[in-house]
Structures are given as structure tokens and as C-alpha cells.
Amino acid sequence: MIVKLWPGKSQAQKQALSDAIVRDVAATLGYGDESVSVGFEEVSSADWSTQVYGPDIQNRWDTLTKQPGYGPGQPRQSKDS
């Protein structure tokens, strides 16, 4: 899993989040810790819209199990839909 976030979080914060993700994935899905990997990609707020919101959120809205509380919301449906 790659977590995308704004720069500025400490290594301790990233490690705590990583530990929580691994623990919860293992417990929820029944995987061993060795089956889970976590990485972090820092994206500036200036680049968030083009590097994260557009491609990972807006263009994948129907795959999200938790939508963000920001942005224009669900993409408009085309006339063909």
C-alpha cells in the first residue's frame, strides 16, 4: 500500500501509521505481517490536485470505500452513462 500525504509528517508519525495499517490489514483480512508492505509518497499541496486528486480519487470514485470531504465530489456522469 502506498500512502500519499503532504510533506511534513515525522518519521515517528509515518511509522505509527504504518504499524496501524499492517496490524489492521492482518487482523481484518487474516494475512500475516509479512504479506503487507507500506510506503509513503509525499506530494506537495500545489501538486495534490494533478498528482493525487485527479488520477487517484476523481478518476476512481466508484472504487473508493471512503470518499474525501473535499473537492468537487463525484465526477459528472457522461451522457452515455
Protein backbone atom coordinates (compact mmCIF):
# COMPACT_ATOMS: atom_id res chain seq x y z
CA MET A 1 0.00 0.00 0.00
CA ILE A 2 1.30 3.44 -0.88
CA VAL A 3 0.05 6.25 1.33
CA LYS A 4 0.11 9.67 -0.33
CA LEU A 5 0.34 12.62 2.02
CA TRP A 6 1.53 16.19 2.27
CA PRO A 7 5.14 16.67 3.37
CA GLY A 8 5.90 17.46 6.98
CA LYS A 9 4.92 14.37 8.97
CA SER A 10 7.67 12.97 11.15
CA GLN A 11 9.21 9.55 10.68
CA ALA A 12 7.64 8.55 14.01
CA GLN A 13 4.17 9.53 12.72
CA LYS A 14 4.73 7.61 9.50
CA GLN A 15 5.93 4.56 11.41
CA ALA A 16 2.91 4.69 13.74
CA LEU A 17 0.56 4.86 10.75
CA SER A 18 2.43 2.05 9.02
CA ASP A 19 2.21 -0.13 12.15
CA ALA A 20 -1.55 0.54 12.41
CA ILE A 21 -2.13 -0.29 8.74
CA VAL A 22 -0.18 -3.55 8.97
CA ARG A 23 -1.94 -4.53 12.21
CA ASP A 24 -5.42 -3.79 10.82
CA VAL A 25 -4.85 -5.41 7.42
CA ALA A 26 -3.51 -8.54 9.12
CA ALA A 27 -6.40 -8.68 11.59
CA THR A 28 -9.17 -7.84 9.10
CA LEU A 29 -8.01 -9.92 6.15
CA GLY A 30 -6.26 -12.71 8.02
CA TYR A 31 -2.87 -12.04 6.43
CA GLY A 32 0.46 -12.36 8.18
CA ASP A 33 2.55 -9.21 8.69
CA GLU A 34 4.97 -10.49 6.06
CA SER A 35 2.23 -10.12 3.43
CA VAL A 36 1.78 -6.39 3.93
CA SER A 37 4.03 -3.57 2.75
CA VAL A 38 3.54 0.14 3.38
CA GLY A 39 5.29 3.06 1.71
CA PHE A 40 4.82 6.81 1.76
CA GLU A 41 4.80 9.25 -1.13
CA GLU A 42 4.92 12.91 -0.17
CA VAL A 43 3.05 15.22 -2.55
CA SER A 44 3.02 18.98 -2.14
CA SER A 45 -0.29 20.76 -1.74
CA ALA A 46 0.41 22.57 -5.02
CA ASP A 47 0.65 19.21 -6.84
CA TRP A 48 -2.12 17.37 -4.95
CA SER A 49 -4.89 18.09 -7.44
CA THR A 50 -3.00 16.89 -10.50
CA GLN A 51 -0.94 14.08 -8.94
CA VAL A 52 -3.44 12.64 -6.45
CA TYR A 53 -6.99 14.01 -6.58
CA GLY A 54 -7.49 13.71 -10.33
CA PRO A 55 -5.93 10.32 -11.06
CA ASP A 56 -6.40 8.50 -7.73
CA ILE A 57 -9.66 9.93 -6.40
CA GLN A 58 -11.83 11.57 -9.03
CA ASN A 59 -10.99 9.07 -11.78
CA ARG A 60 -11.55 6.14 -9.41
CA TRP A 61 -14.56 7.46 -7.50
CA ASP A 62 -16.55 4.26 -7.96
CA THR A 63 -13.81 2.17 -6.32
CA LEU A 64 -13.49 4.29 -3.16
CA THR A 65 -14.86 2.88 0.07
CA LYS A 66 -14.30 6.25 1.78
CA GLN A 67 -14.68 9.44 -0.26
CA PRO A 68 -12.83 12.60 0.79
CA GLY A 69 -14.62 15.55 2.32
CA TYR A 70 -13.05 17.98 -0.16
CA GLY A 71 -13.00 18.56 -3.89
CA PRO A 72 -15.84 18.74 -6.35
CA GLY A 73 -17.22 15.37 -5.32
CA GLN A 74 -18.39 12.57 -7.53
CA PRO A 75 -17.43 13.09 -11.17
CA ARG A 76 -20.24 14.00 -13.52
CA GLN A 77 -21.70 11.14 -15.47
CA SER A 78 -21.32 11.34 -19.23
CA LYS A 79 -24.45 11.42 -21.36
CA ASP A 80 -23.62 7.87 -22.43
CA SER A 81 -23.92 6.54 -18.85
